[in-house]
């Protein structure tokens, strides 16, 4: 049977793992969005500044 401290440590480990996974997915989503939108952003910027 697990003690209360072991249970808390497992919860902390699971939540920190979840935070790391969410952060990596967020970075991947941001980079993907920028790369997908880059041609449109470049086109709009060229029309605005030239």
C-alpha atoms as a PDB file:
ATOM      1  CA  UNK A   1       0.000   0.000   0.000  1.00  0.00           C
ATOM      2  CA  UNK A   2       1.319   3.410  -0.959  1.00  0.00           C
ATOM      3  CA  UNK A   3       1.963   5.984   1.659  1.00  0.00           C
ATOM      4  CA  UNK A   4       0.620   9.486   1.371  1.00  0.00           C
ATOM      5  CA  UNK A   5       4.020  10.957   0.473  1.00  0.00           C
ATOM      6  CA  UNK A   6       4.516   8.408  -2.318  1.00  0.00           C
ATOM      7  CA  UNK A   7       1.105   9.280  -3.700  1.00  0.00           C
ATOM      8  CA  UNK A   8       1.922  13.000  -3.621  1.00  0.00           C
ATOM      9  CA  UNK A   9       5.249  12.390  -5.353  1.00  0.00           C
ATOM     10  CA  UNK A  10       3.501  10.431  -8.104  1.00  0.00           C
ATOM     11  CA  UNK A  11       0.965  13.244  -8.553  1.00  0.00           C
ATOM     12  CA  UNK A  12       3.763  15.801  -8.807  1.00  0.00           C
ATOM     13  CA  UNK A  13       5.622  13.641 -11.324  1.00  0.00           C
ATOM     14  CA  UNK A  14       2.501  13.158 -13.429  1.00  0.00           C
ATOM     15  CA  UNK A  15       1.605  16.842 -13.375  1.00  0.00           C
ATOM     16  CA  UNK A  16       5.147  17.963 -14.215  1.00  0.00           C
ATOM     17  CA  UNK A  17       5.227  15.456 -17.091  1.00  0.00           C
ATOM     18  CA  UNK A  18       1.920  16.862 -18.317  1.00  0.00           C
ATOM     19  CA  UNK A  19       3.253  20.422 -18.123  1.00  0.00           C
ATOM     20  CA  UNK A  20       6.363  19.474 -20.109  1.00  0.00           C
ATOM     21  CA  UNK A  21       4.311  17.710 -22.789  1.00  0.00           C
ATOM     22  CA  UNK A  22       1.886  20.640 -23.048  1.00  0.00           C
ATOM     23  CA  UNK A  23       4.770  23.116 -23.319  1.00  0.00           C
ATOM     24  CA  UNK A  24       6.416  21.098 -26.101  1.00  0.00           C
ATOM     25  CA  UNK A  25       3.131  20.830 -27.973  1.00  0.00           C
ATOM     26  CA  UNK A  26       2.597  24.570 -27.574  1.00  0.00           C
ATOM     27  CA  UNK A  27       6.027  25.349 -29.008  1.00  0.00           C
ATOM     28  CA  UNK A  28       5.390  22.954 -31.889  1.00  0.00           C
ATOM     29  CA  UNK A  29       1.991  24.561 -32.576  1.00  0.00           C
ATOM     30  CA  UNK A  30       3.474  28.066 -32.516  1.00  0.00           C
ATOM     31  CA  UNK A  31       6.298  27.170 -34.893  1.00  0.00           C
ATOM     32  CA  UNK A  32       3.894  25.349 -37.211  1.00  0.00           C
ATOM     33  CA  UNK A  33       1.508  28.303 -37.276  1.00  0.00           C
ATOM     34  CA  UNK A  34       4.305  30.740 -38.092  1.00  0.00           C
ATOM     35  CA  UNK A  35       5.699  28.522 -40.843  1.00  0.00           C
ATOM     36  CA  UNK A  36       2.263  27.979 -42.375  1.00  0.00           C
ATOM     37  CA  UNK A  37       1.320  31.672 -42.222  1.00  0.00           C
ATOM     38  CA  UNK A  38       4.734  32.986 -43.312  1.00  0.00           C
ATOM     39  CA  UNK A  39       3.945  33.387 -47.049  1.00  0.00           C
ATOM     40  CA  UNK A  40       0.761  35.309 -46.288  1.00  0.00           C
ATOM     41  CA  UNK A  41       2.496  37.479 -43.709  1.00  0.00           C
ATOM     42  CA  UNK A  42       5.334  38.214 -46.114  1.00  0.00           C
ATOM     43  CA  UNK A  43       2.856  39.131 -48.863  1.00  0.00           C
ATOM     44  CA  UNK A  44       0.874  41.453 -46.595  1.00  0.00           C
ATOM     45  CA  UNK A  45       4.055  43.079 -45.290  1.00  0.00           C
ATOM     46  CA  UNK A  46       5.340  43.649 -48.827  1.00  0.00           C
ATOM     47  CA  UNK A  47       2.084  45.360 -49.793  1.00  0.00           C
ATOM     48  CA  UNK A  48       2.084  47.535 -46.664  1.00  0.00           C
ATOM     49  CA  UNK A  49       5.689  48.698 -46.770  1.00  0.00           C
ATOM     50  CA  UNK A  50       6.289  48.997 -50.509  1.00  0.00           C
END
